[in-house]
C-alpha atoms as a PDB file:
ATOM      1  CA  UNK A   1       8.444 -24.723 -11.396  1.00  0.00           C
ATOM      2  CA  UNK A   2       7.353 -22.116  -8.861  1.00  0.00           C
ATOM      3  CA  UNK A   3       8.068 -18.463  -9.582  1.00  0.00           C
ATOM      4  CA  UNK A   4       7.909 -15.496  -7.264  1.00  0.00           C
ATOM      5  CA  UNK A   5       5.311 -12.846  -7.953  1.00  0.00           C
ATOM      6  CA  UNK A   6       8.059 -10.293  -8.437  1.00  0.00           C
ATOM      7  CA  UNK A   7       8.905 -12.147 -11.656  1.00  0.00           C
ATOM      8  CA  UNK A   8       5.422 -11.532 -12.990  1.00  0.00           C
ATOM      9  CA  UNK A   9       2.008 -13.012 -12.173  1.00  0.00           C
ATOM     10  CA  UNK A  10      -1.580 -12.755 -13.286  1.00  0.00           C
ATOM     11  CA  UNK A  11      -2.923  -9.229 -13.183  1.00  0.00           C
ATOM     12  CA  UNK A  12      -5.896  -9.768 -10.951  1.00  0.00           C
ATOM     13  CA  UNK A  13      -6.913  -8.079  -7.745  1.00  0.00           C
ATOM     14  CA  UNK A  14      -6.272  -9.941  -4.469  1.00  0.00           C
ATOM     15  CA  UNK A  15      -8.978 -12.420  -3.586  1.00  0.00           C
ATOM     16  CA  UNK A  16     -11.498 -11.647  -0.875  1.00  0.00           C
ATOM     17  CA  UNK A  17      -9.869 -14.272   1.323  1.00  0.00           C
ATOM     18  CA  UNK A  18      -6.475 -12.650   0.980  1.00  0.00           C
ATOM     19  CA  UNK A  19      -7.869  -9.214   1.724  1.00  0.00           C
ATOM     20  CA  UNK A  20      -9.569 -10.606   4.802  1.00  0.00           C
ATOM     21  CA  UNK A  21      -6.284 -11.753   6.187  1.00  0.00           C
ATOM     22  CA  UNK A  22      -4.192  -8.848   5.010  1.00  0.00           C
ATOM     23  CA  UNK A  23      -5.502  -5.577   6.318  1.00  0.00           C
ATOM     24  CA  UNK A  24      -4.200  -3.199   3.683  1.00  0.00           C
ATOM     25  CA  UNK A  25      -2.962  -3.476   0.129  1.00  0.00           C
ATOM     26  CA  UNK A  26      -0.416  -1.304  -1.659  1.00  0.00           C
ATOM     27  CA  UNK A  27       0.098  -1.872  -5.364  1.00  0.00           C
ATOM     28  CA  UNK A  28       3.405  -1.191  -7.049  1.00  0.00           C
ATOM     29  CA  UNK A  29       3.477  -0.599 -10.813  1.00  0.00           C
ATOM     30  CA  UNK A  30       6.620  -2.420 -11.817  1.00  0.00           C
ATOM     31  CA  UNK A  31       6.073  -3.155 -15.487  1.00  0.00           C
ATOM     32  CA  UNK A  32       7.317  -6.708 -15.047  1.00  0.00           C
ATOM     33  CA  UNK A  33       6.800  -9.688 -17.317  1.00  0.00           C
ATOM     34  CA  UNK A  34       3.772 -11.200 -19.016  1.00  0.00           C
ATOM     35  CA  UNK A  35       0.678 -12.092 -16.951  1.00  0.00           C
ATOM     36  CA  UNK A  36       0.428 -15.448 -18.751  1.00  0.00           C
ATOM     37  CA  UNK A  37       3.563 -17.040 -17.301  1.00  0.00           C
ATOM     38  CA  UNK A  38       2.277 -19.966 -15.242  1.00  0.00           C
ATOM     39  CA  UNK A  39       0.901 -19.851 -11.724  1.00  0.00           C
ATOM     40  CA  UNK A  40       0.744 -16.698  -9.663  1.00  0.00           C
ATOM     41  CA  UNK A  41       2.850 -16.731  -6.495  1.00  0.00           C
ATOM     42  CA  UNK A  42       2.781 -14.102  -3.778  1.00  0.00           C
ATOM     43  CA  UNK A  43       5.603 -14.089  -1.213  1.00  0.00           C
ATOM     44  CA  UNK A  44       4.822 -12.648   2.229  1.00  0.00           C
ATOM     45  CA  UNK A  45       7.346 -11.730   4.875  1.00  0.00           C
ATOM     46  CA  UNK A  46       6.635 -13.189   8.330  1.00  0.00           C
ATOM     47  CA  UNK A  47       9.030 -11.602  10.869  1.00  0.00           C
ATOM     48  CA  UNK A  48       9.511 -14.662  13.066  1.00  0.00           C
ATOM     49  CA  UNK A  49      10.794 -18.131  12.252  1.00  0.00           C
ATOM     50  CA  UNK A  50       7.988 -20.258  13.608  1.00  0.00           C
ATOM     51  CA  UNK A  51       5.500 -21.961  11.316  1.00  0.00           C
ATOM     52  CA  UNK A  52       3.129 -22.444  14.279  1.00  0.00           C
ATOM     53  CA  UNK A  53       1.563 -19.112  13.265  1.00  0.00           C
ATOM     54  CA  UNK A  54      -1.581 -21.153  12.505  1.00  0.00           C
ATOM     55  CA  UNK A  55      -1.933 -22.171  16.159  1.00  0.00           C
ATOM     56  CA  UNK A  56      -3.868 -20.413  18.962  1.00  0.00           C
ATOM     57  CA  UNK A  57      -0.519 -19.181  20.304  1.00  0.00           C
ATOM     58  CA  UNK A  58      -0.357 -16.518  17.562  1.00  0.00           C
ATOM     59  CA  UNK A  59      -2.771 -13.711  16.713  1.00  0.00           C
ATOM     60  CA  UNK A  60      -1.523 -13.545  13.148  1.00  0.00           C
ATOM     61  CA  UNK A  61      -2.985 -12.190   9.927  1.00  0.00           C
ATOM     62  CA  UNK A  62      -1.517 -15.206   8.161  1.00  0.00           C
ATOM     63  CA  UNK A  63      -3.692 -17.589  10.200  1.00  0.00           C
ATOM     64  CA  UNK A  64      -6.753 -16.070   8.522  1.00  0.00           C
ATOM     65  CA  UNK A  65      -5.554 -17.327   5.144  1.00  0.00           C
ATOM     66  CA  UNK A  66      -6.102 -20.921   6.306  1.00  0.00           C
ATOM     67  CA  UNK A  67      -8.910 -20.670   8.889  1.00  0.00           C
ATOM     68  CA  UNK A  68     -12.210 -18.771   8.954  1.00  0.00           C
ATOM     69  CA  UNK A  69     -13.350 -16.580  11.859  1.00  0.00           C
ATOM     70  CA  UNK A  70     -17.035 -16.246  12.586  1.00  0.00           C
ATOM     71  CA  UNK A  71     -16.854 -12.675  11.302  1.00  0.00           C
ATOM     72  CA  UNK A  72     -14.383 -10.069  10.132  1.00  0.00           C
ATOM     73  CA  UNK A  73     -14.684  -6.292  10.065  1.00  0.00           C
ATOM     74  CA  UNK A  74     -14.999  -4.047   7.024  1.00  0.00           C
ATOM     75  CA  UNK A  75     -13.401  -0.629   6.498  1.00  0.00           C
ATOM     76  CA  UNK A  76     -16.194   1.044   8.495  1.00  0.00           C
ATOM     77  CA  UNK A  77     -15.605  -1.185  11.517  1.00  0.00           C
ATOM     78  CA  UNK A  78     -18.818  -3.173  10.959  1.00  0.00           C
ATOM     79  CA  UNK A  79     -18.817  -6.984  11.370  1.00  0.00           C
ATOM     80  CA  UNK A  80     -19.003  -8.972   8.124  1.00  0.00           C
ATOM     81  CA  UNK A  81     -20.166 -12.622   8.042  1.00  0.00           C
ATOM     82  CA  UNK A  82     -17.518 -15.276   7.362  1.00  0.00           C
ATOM     83  CA  UNK A  83     -17.978 -18.734   8.900  1.00  0.00           C
ATOM     84  CA  UNK A  84     -21.337 -17.551  10.257  1.00  0.00           C
ATOM     85  CA  UNK A  85     -23.753 -16.221   7.660  1.00  0.00           C
ATOM     86  CA  UNK A  86     -25.895 -14.425  10.251  1.00  0.00           C
ATOM     87  CA  UNK A  87     -26.440 -14.017  13.993  1.00  0.00           C
ATOM     88  CA  UNK A  88     -28.730 -12.474  16.574  1.00  0.00           C
ATOM     89  CA  UNK A  89     -28.459 -11.649  20.267  1.00  0.00           C
ATOM     90  CA  UNK A  90     -30.623 -11.215  23.315  1.00  0.00           C
ATOM     91  CA  UNK A  91     -31.634  -7.756  24.520  1.00  0.00           C
ATOM     92  CA  UNK A  92     -28.860  -7.746  27.105  1.00  0.00           C
ATOM     93  CA  UNK A  93     -26.230  -8.670  24.464  1.00  0.00           C
ATOM     94  CA  UNK A  94     -25.029 -11.611  26.551  1.00  0.00           C
ATOM     95  CA  UNK A  95     -26.362 -14.554  24.519  1.00  0.00           C
ATOM     96  CA  UNK A  96     -25.541 -14.700  20.825  1.00  0.00           C
ATOM     97  CA  UNK A  97     -26.927 -17.237  18.363  1.00  0.00           C
ATOM     98  CA  UNK A  98     -24.795 -17.975  15.301  1.00  0.00           C
ATOM     99  CA  UNK A  99     -26.034 -19.631  12.130  1.00  0.00           C
ATOM    100  CA  UNK A 100     -23.099 -21.139  10.277  1.00  0.00           C
ATOM    101  CA  UNK A 101     -22.749 -20.870   6.543  1.00  0.00           C
ATOM    102  CA  UNK A 102     -23.972 -24.137   4.943  1.00  0.00           C
ATOM    103  CA  UNK A 103     -21.660 -26.095   2.672  1.00  0.00           C
ATOM    104  CA  UNK A 104     -18.338 -24.997   4.228  1.00  0.00           C
ATOM    105  CA  UNK A 105     -15.896 -27.904   4.468  1.00  0.00           C
ATOM    106  CA  UNK A 106     -12.512 -28.545   5.981  1.00  0.00           C
ATOM    107  CA  UNK A 107      -9.738 -28.883   3.443  1.00  0.00           C
ATOM    108  CA  UNK A 108     -10.024 -32.690   3.753  1.00  0.00           C
ATOM    109  CA  UNK A 109     -13.657 -32.510   2.610  1.00  0.00           C
ATOM    110  CA  UNK A 110     -15.355 -33.051   5.997  1.00  0.00           C
ATOM    111  CA  UNK A 111     -18.205 -30.543   6.675  1.00  0.00           C
ATOM    112  CA  UNK A 112     -17.606 -27.750   9.192  1.00  0.00           C
ATOM    113  CA  UNK A 113     -20.243 -27.843  11.931  1.00  0.00           C
ATOM    114  CA  UNK A 114     -21.194 -26.109  15.143  1.00  0.00           C
ATOM    115  CA  UNK A 115     -19.530 -29.013  16.959  1.00  0.00           C
ATOM    116  CA  UNK A 116     -16.154 -27.769  15.656  1.00  0.00           C
ATOM    117  CA  UNK A 117     -16.795 -24.316  17.122  1.00  0.00           C
ATOM    118  CA  UNK A 118     -17.838 -25.767  20.485  1.00  0.00           C
ATOM    119  CA  UNK A 119     -14.813 -28.081  20.479  1.00  0.00           C
ATOM    120  CA  UNK A 120     -12.477 -25.146  19.870  1.00  0.00           C
ATOM    121  CA  UNK A 121     -13.836 -23.228  22.856  1.00  0.00           C
ATOM    122  CA  UNK A 122     -13.468 -26.339  24.998  1.00  0.00           C
ATOM    123  CA  UNK A 123      -9.901 -26.861  23.775  1.00  0.00           C
ATOM    124  CA  UNK A 124      -8.799 -23.275  24.378  1.00  0.00           C
ATOM    125  CA  UNK A 125     -10.193 -23.356  27.902  1.00  0.00           C
ATOM    126  CA  UNK A 126      -8.883 -26.802  28.793  1.00  0.00           C
ATOM    127  CA  UNK A 127      -6.865 -26.722  32.009  1.00  0.00           C
ATOM    128  CA  UNK A 128      -4.145 -28.950  30.548  1.00  0.00           C
ATOM    129  CA  UNK A 129      -3.652 -26.739  27.506  1.00  0.00           C
ATOM    130  CA  UNK A 130      -2.299 -23.919  29.694  1.00  0.00           C
ATOM    131  CA  UNK A 131      -3.276 -21.519  26.945  1.00  0.00           C
ATOM    132  CA  UNK A 132      -5.735 -19.081  28.471  1.00  0.00           C
ATOM    133  CA  UNK A 133      -7.772 -18.589  31.604  1.00  0.00           C
ATOM    134  CA  UNK A 134     -11.389 -19.706  31.419  1.00  0.00           C
ATOM    135  CA  UNK A 135     -13.384 -16.730  30.194  1.00  0.00           C
ATOM    136  CA  UNK A 136     -16.796 -17.902  31.295  1.00  0.00           C
ATOM    137  CA  UNK A 137     -18.462 -18.471  27.931  1.00  0.00           C
ATOM    138  CA  UNK A 138     -21.135 -21.142  27.771  1.00  0.00           C
ATOM    139  CA  UNK A 139     -21.338 -22.739  24.335  1.00  0.00           C
ATOM    140  CA  UNK A 140     -24.331 -24.834  23.352  1.00  0.00           C
ATOM    141  CA  UNK A 141     -24.797 -26.644  20.042  1.00  0.00           C
ATOM    142  CA  UNK A 142     -28.390 -26.367  18.811  1.00  0.00           C
ATOM    143  CA  UNK A 143     -27.836 -28.359  15.621  1.00  0.00           C
ATOM    144  CA  UNK A 144     -25.055 -28.898  13.091  1.00  0.00           C
ATOM    145  CA  UNK A 145     -25.239 -25.325  11.803  1.00  0.00           C
ATOM    146  CA  UNK A 146     -26.480 -23.422  14.862  1.00  0.00           C
ATOM    147  CA  UNK A 147     -24.950 -22.662  18.251  1.00  0.00           C
ATOM    148  CA  UNK A 148     -25.349 -20.201  21.089  1.00  0.00           C
ATOM    149  CA  UNK A 149     -22.618 -18.522  23.102  1.00  0.00           C
ATOM    150  CA  UNK A 150     -23.513 -16.907  26.423  1.00  0.00           C
ATOM    151  CA  UNK A 151     -20.999 -14.486  27.947  1.00  0.00           C
ATOM    152  CA  UNK A 152     -20.642 -13.374  31.552  1.00  0.00           C
ATOM    153  CA  UNK A 153     -21.014  -9.747  30.508  1.00  0.00           C
ATOM    154  CA  UNK A 154     -22.495  -7.760  27.662  1.00  0.00           C
ATOM    155  CA  UNK A 155     -20.854  -8.384  24.279  1.00  0.00           C
ATOM    156  CA  UNK A 156     -21.121  -5.585  21.717  1.00  0.00           C
ATOM    157  CA  UNK A 157     -20.058  -7.637  18.687  1.00  0.00           C
ATOM    158  CA  UNK A 158     -19.350 -11.211  17.489  1.00  0.00           C
ATOM    159  CA  UNK A 159     -16.078 -12.915  18.488  1.00  0.00           C
ATOM    160  CA  UNK A 160     -13.139 -10.952  17.198  1.00  0.00           C
ATOM    161  CA  UNK A 161     -11.427 -11.759  13.916  1.00  0.00           C
ATOM    162  CA  UNK A 162      -8.442 -13.444  15.590  1.00  0.00           C
ATOM    163  CA  UNK A 163     -10.628 -16.257  16.911  1.00  0.00           C
ATOM    164  CA  UNK A 164     -10.632 -19.118  14.416  1.00  0.00           C
ATOM    165  CA  UNK A 165     -11.906 -22.665  14.822  1.00  0.00           C
ATOM    166  CA  UNK A 166     -10.299 -26.064  14.500  1.00  0.00           C
ATOM    167  CA  UNK A 167     -11.513 -29.462  13.195  1.00  0.00           C
ATOM    168  CA  UNK A 168     -12.861 -31.647  15.980  1.00  0.00           C
ATOM    169  CA  UNK A 169     -12.583 -34.851  13.934  1.00  0.00           C
ATOM    170  CA  UNK A 170      -8.797 -34.425  13.617  1.00  0.00           C
ATOM    171  CA  UNK A 171      -7.929 -33.101  17.062  1.00  0.00           C
ATOM    172  CA  UNK A 172     -10.361 -34.492  19.642  1.00  0.00           C
ATOM    173  CA  UNK A 173      -8.216 -37.559  20.400  1.00  0.00           C
ATOM    174  CA  UNK A 174      -4.987 -35.569  20.897  1.00  0.00           C
ATOM    175  CA  UNK A 175      -3.602 -34.655  24.321  1.00  0.00           C
ATOM    176  CA  UNK A 176      -4.401 -31.011  25.218  1.00  0.00           C
ATOM    177  CA  UNK A 177      -1.405 -31.065  27.547  1.00  0.00           C
ATOM    178  CA  UNK A 178       0.839 -31.405  24.490  1.00  0.00           C
ATOM    179  CA  UNK A 179      -1.035 -28.709  22.525  1.00  0.00           C
ATOM    180  CA  UNK A 180       2.082 -26.704  21.658  1.00  0.00           C
ATOM    181  CA  UNK A 181       3.743 -29.784  20.149  1.00  0.00           C
ATOM    182  CA  UNK A 182       0.901 -30.917  17.904  1.00  0.00           C
ATOM    183  CA  UNK A 183       2.068 -31.583  14.352  1.00  0.00           C
ATOM    184  CA  UNK A 184      -1.247 -30.118  13.193  1.00  0.00           C
ATOM    185  CA  UNK A 185       0.075 -26.570  13.633  1.00  0.00           C
ATOM    186  CA  UNK A 186       2.757 -27.076  10.982  1.00  0.00           C
ATOM    187  CA  UNK A 187       0.507 -29.109   8.670  1.00  0.00           C
ATOM    188  CA  UNK A 188      -2.857 -27.438   9.257  1.00  0.00           C
ATOM    189  CA  UNK A 189      -6.152 -28.591   7.797  1.00  0.00           C
ATOM    190  CA  UNK A 190      -8.252 -25.457   7.675  1.00  0.00           C
ATOM    191  CA  UNK A 191     -11.472 -24.200   6.126  1.00  0.00           C
ATOM    192  CA  UNK A 192     -10.330 -20.867   4.690  1.00  0.00           C
ATOM    193  CA  UNK A 193      -9.367 -19.501   1.268  1.00  0.00           C
ATOM    194  CA  UNK A 194      -5.943 -21.195   1.225  1.00  0.00           C
ATOM    195  CA  UNK A 195      -4.829 -24.712   2.089  1.00  0.00           C
ATOM    196  CA  UNK A 196      -1.492 -26.079   3.244  1.00  0.00           C
ATOM    197  CA  UNK A 197       0.904 -27.523   0.648  1.00  0.00           C
ATOM    198  CA  UNK A 198       4.313 -27.899   2.323  1.00  0.00           C
ATOM    199  CA  UNK A 199       6.774 -26.205   4.625  1.00  0.00           C
ATOM    200  CA  UNK A 200      10.476 -25.961   5.311  1.00  0.00           C
ATOM    201  CA  UNK A 201      11.015 -25.575   9.086  1.00  0.00           C
ATOM    202  CA  UNK A 202      11.844 -22.015  10.146  1.00  0.00           C
ATOM    203  CA  UNK A 203      12.091 -21.035   6.477  1.00  0.00           C
ATOM    204  CA  UNK A 204       8.775 -21.023   4.612  1.00  0.00           C
ATOM    205  CA  UNK A 205       5.232 -22.376   4.305  1.00  0.00           C
ATOM    206  CA  UNK A 206       3.536 -22.742   0.937  1.00  0.00           C
ATOM    207  CA  UNK A 207      -0.233 -22.429   0.544  1.00  0.00           C
ATOM    208  CA  UNK A 208      -2.470 -22.937  -2.483  1.00  0.00           C
ATOM    209  CA  UNK A 209      -5.882 -21.521  -3.343  1.00  0.00           C
ATOM    210  CA  UNK A 210      -8.792 -23.550  -1.989  1.00  0.00           C
ATOM    211  CA  UNK A 211     -11.024 -24.384  -4.993  1.00  0.00           C
ATOM    212  CA  UNK A 212     -13.912 -25.163  -2.633  1.00  0.00           C
ATOM    213  CA  UNK A 213     -13.828 -21.863  -0.713  1.00  0.00           C
ATOM    214  CA  UNK A 214     -17.392 -20.651  -0.089  1.00  0.00           C
ATOM    215  CA  UNK A 215     -16.692 -17.301  -1.777  1.00  0.00           C
ATOM    216  CA  UNK A 216     -14.976 -18.940  -4.739  1.00  0.00           C
ATOM    217  CA  UNK A 217     -11.289 -19.755  -5.207  1.00  0.00           C
ATOM    218  CA  UNK A 218      -8.878 -16.861  -4.536  1.00  0.00           C
ATOM    219  CA  UNK A 219      -7.447 -15.180  -7.624  1.00  0.00           C
ATOM    220  CA  UNK A 220      -3.872 -15.541  -6.363  1.00  0.00           C
ATOM    221  CA  UNK A 221      -3.037 -19.202  -6.914  1.00  0.00           C
ATOM    222  CA  UNK A 222      -0.212 -19.661  -4.394  1.00  0.00           C
ATOM    223  CA  UNK A 223       1.155 -17.855  -1.370  1.00  0.00           C
ATOM    224  CA  UNK A 224       4.551 -18.417   0.204  1.00  0.00           C
ATOM    225  CA  UNK A 225       4.989 -17.308   3.818  1.00  0.00           C
ATOM    226  CA  UNK A 226       8.693 -16.606   4.154  1.00  0.00           C
ATOM    227  CA  UNK A 227       9.986 -16.506   7.731  1.00  0.00           C
ATOM    228  CA  UNK A 228      12.791 -14.212   8.755  1.00  0.00           C
ATOM    229  CA  UNK A 229      13.862 -11.679  11.347  1.00  0.00           C
ATOM    230  CA  UNK A 230      14.833  -8.103  10.712  1.00  0.00           C
ATOM    231  CA  UNK A 231      12.870  -5.337   9.076  1.00  0.00           C
ATOM    232  CA  UNK A 232       9.931  -6.304   6.883  1.00  0.00           C
ATOM    233  CA  UNK A 233      10.318  -3.025   5.069  1.00  0.00           C
ATOM    234  CA  UNK A 234      13.952  -3.804   4.226  1.00  0.00           C
ATOM    235  CA  UNK A 235      12.914  -7.210   2.920  1.00  0.00           C
ATOM    236  CA  UNK A 236      10.339  -5.573   0.677  1.00  0.00           C
ATOM    237  CA  UNK A 237      12.613  -2.837  -0.668  1.00  0.00           C
ATOM    238  CA  UNK A 238      15.402  -5.343  -1.314  1.00  0.00           C
ATOM    239  CA  UNK A 239      13.051  -7.409  -3.481  1.00  0.00           C
ATOM    240  CA  UNK A 240      13.241 -10.514  -1.291  1.00  0.00           C
ATOM    241  CA  UNK A 241       9.467 -10.566  -0.698  1.00  0.00           C
ATOM    242  CA  UNK A 242       6.357  -9.155  -2.327  1.00  0.00           C
ATOM    243  CA  UNK A 243       4.209  -8.416   0.719  1.00  0.00           C
ATOM    244  CA  UNK A 244       4.901  -7.185   4.251  1.00  0.00           C
ATOM    245  CA  UNK A 245       2.916  -5.911   7.226  1.00  0.00           C
ATOM    246  CA  UNK A 246       4.276  -2.841   9.005  1.00  0.00           C
ATOM    247  CA  UNK A 247       3.084  -0.444  11.665  1.00  0.00           C
ATOM    248  CA  UNK A 248       1.941   3.121  11.041  1.00  0.00           C
ATOM    249  CA  UNK A 249       5.324   4.608  11.985  1.00  0.00           C
ATOM    250  CA  UNK A 250       6.926   3.138   8.854  1.00  0.00           C
ATOM    251  CA  UNK A 251       3.910   3.729   6.620  1.00  0.00           C
ATOM    252  CA  UNK A 252       4.968   7.200   5.350  1.00  0.00           C
ATOM    253  CA  UNK A 253       8.197   5.771   3.926  1.00  0.00           C
ATOM    254  CA  UNK A 254       6.152   3.802   1.424  1.00  0.00           C
ATOM    255  CA  UNK A 255       3.087   6.026   1.179  1.00  0.00           C
ATOM    256  CA  UNK A 256       5.246   8.843  -0.189  1.00  0.00           C
ATOM    257  CA  UNK A 257       6.901   6.602  -2.785  1.00  0.00           C
ATOM    258  CA  UNK A 258       5.251   7.212  -6.194  1.00  0.00           C
ATOM    259  CA  UNK A 259       5.708   3.550  -7.121  1.00  0.00           C
ATOM    260  CA  UNK A 260       3.035   2.506  -4.615  1.00  0.00           C
ATOM    261  CA  UNK A 261      -0.714   3.020  -4.487  1.00  0.00           C
ATOM    262  CA  UNK A 262      -1.711   2.779  -0.820  1.00  0.00           C
ATOM    263  CA  UNK A 263      -4.938   1.265   0.443  1.00  0.00           C
ATOM    264  CA  UNK A 264      -4.932   0.879   4.214  1.00  0.00           C
ATOM    265  CA  UNK A 265      -7.286  -0.113   6.970  1.00  0.00           C
ATOM    266  CA  UNK A 266      -7.303   1.246  10.516  1.00  0.00           C
ATOM    267  CA  UNK A 267      -9.049  -0.640  13.293  1.00  0.00           C
ATOM    268  CA  UNK A 268     -11.363   1.735  15.181  1.00  0.00           C
ATOM    269  CA  UNK A 269      -9.559   3.037  18.247  1.00  0.00           C
ATOM    270  CA  UNK A 270      -6.360   1.176  17.425  1.00  0.00           C
ATOM    271  CA  UNK A 271      -2.991   2.872  17.738  1.00  0.00           C
ATOM    272  CA  UNK A 272      -1.492   1.009  14.792  1.00  0.00           C
ATOM    273  CA  UNK A 273      -2.348  -0.166  11.312  1.00  0.00           C
ATOM    274  CA  UNK A 274      -1.211  -3.137   9.291  1.00  0.00           C
ATOM    275  CA  UNK A 275      -0.096  -2.141   5.823  1.00  0.00           C
ATOM    276  CA  UNK A 276       0.448  -4.682   3.093  1.00  0.00           C
ATOM    277  CA  UNK A 277       2.594  -3.866   0.079  1.00  0.00           C
ATOM    278  CA  UNK A 278       1.940  -5.750  -3.114  1.00  0.00           C
ATOM    279  CA  UNK A 279       4.421  -5.699  -5.998  1.00  0.00           C
ATOM    280  CA  UNK A 280       2.684  -6.642  -9.244  1.00  0.00           C
ATOM    281  CA  UNK A 281       2.794  -6.089 -12.982  1.00  0.00           C
ATOM    282  CA  UNK A 282       1.144  -3.125 -14.717  1.00  0.00           C
ATOM    283  CA  UNK A 283      -2.541  -3.667 -15.514  1.00  0.00           C
END
């Protein structure tokens, strides 16, 4: 039987995959029940009732629990390898070569390749998808683990962390004109630290730790994404959820609360910060 984390879960730090997707962690010493009571479950508040958060229509932190970007950024603002293990660029910073991490698989066991990355760029720029204007990138697959992307103008860093990639073998036969209606977005097959288990429309999505994640399985066994409108902060303080993301305006309300230890991350030059609040048992 599934339990919420607020009822007690294993006293381990969040997994690297979870920290990738959730920009800041705040720990609350609650003195709740034993760490040995079954599986750990973390409940996150998602302030909109649409489980298509895993689709290209949403730039969501939650998407990064299921899918890998090429790179993420650390607390200093430096790119950190994720799907790509390394990269290089030409002197003019227009052509980038990415070497994908070997051994990464989709959650159905099929290997992730450079063809999946190229397919995703083609899909997002497809005229029938009506998703985004063509941006002018030229993507060339060198081999299964290597590709080049050439941009129209100088690019100072790898593709941003919101850009994730989708499995060609599952999607290439689908109609791009019906992209928004694809069932895949509510039953995603990803390559990230968590994999899809089930969902209740407009209510919740349940994820479980991916035992084959390249960095090792996450230490939090299960995550429930709970959809709902209203204030994330109210949901947290009422005990309905264990984790929320808020902007910097609301941050002092929690940062000044002695029950919370705040660890936050600010994107360089950004006017806001995501803060994640984690209720857990005493260590």
